[in-house]
Amino acid sequence: MGMNENKTHHTTWIDRLEARGMGGMMRLLVDIATPFSIIGAQVLWILQPIATLWGKGTAMGELAKWLENPDAMRDLRARLDTRHSSDDQPIGD
């Protein structure tokens, strides 16, 4: 998957989350998950052979590569921030 394809894909599901009012929750989850992305990538690499049985091995490998990229989560967070609507309230308010 090319860099432009990743940006398009992110844009699509980020827009869907924002439309449902879940942008704040997604930003929180990205902040929580960022330190664990390398661990998640390693788990995906371990599970990739099993996923290949269901035809999802390549997709799992691509996700693992994405999670191993230190800029990936920062890029995702930046995309979420650029779509942050002014009426989006913190959770609990």
Foldseek 3Di string as FASTA:
>chain_A
DDPVVVVVVLVVVLVVCVVVLNLQVVLVVLVVCLVVLQVVLVVLVVCLVVVVVVPCNVVSNVSSVLSVDNCNSVVSSVVSVVVDDPPRDHPPD
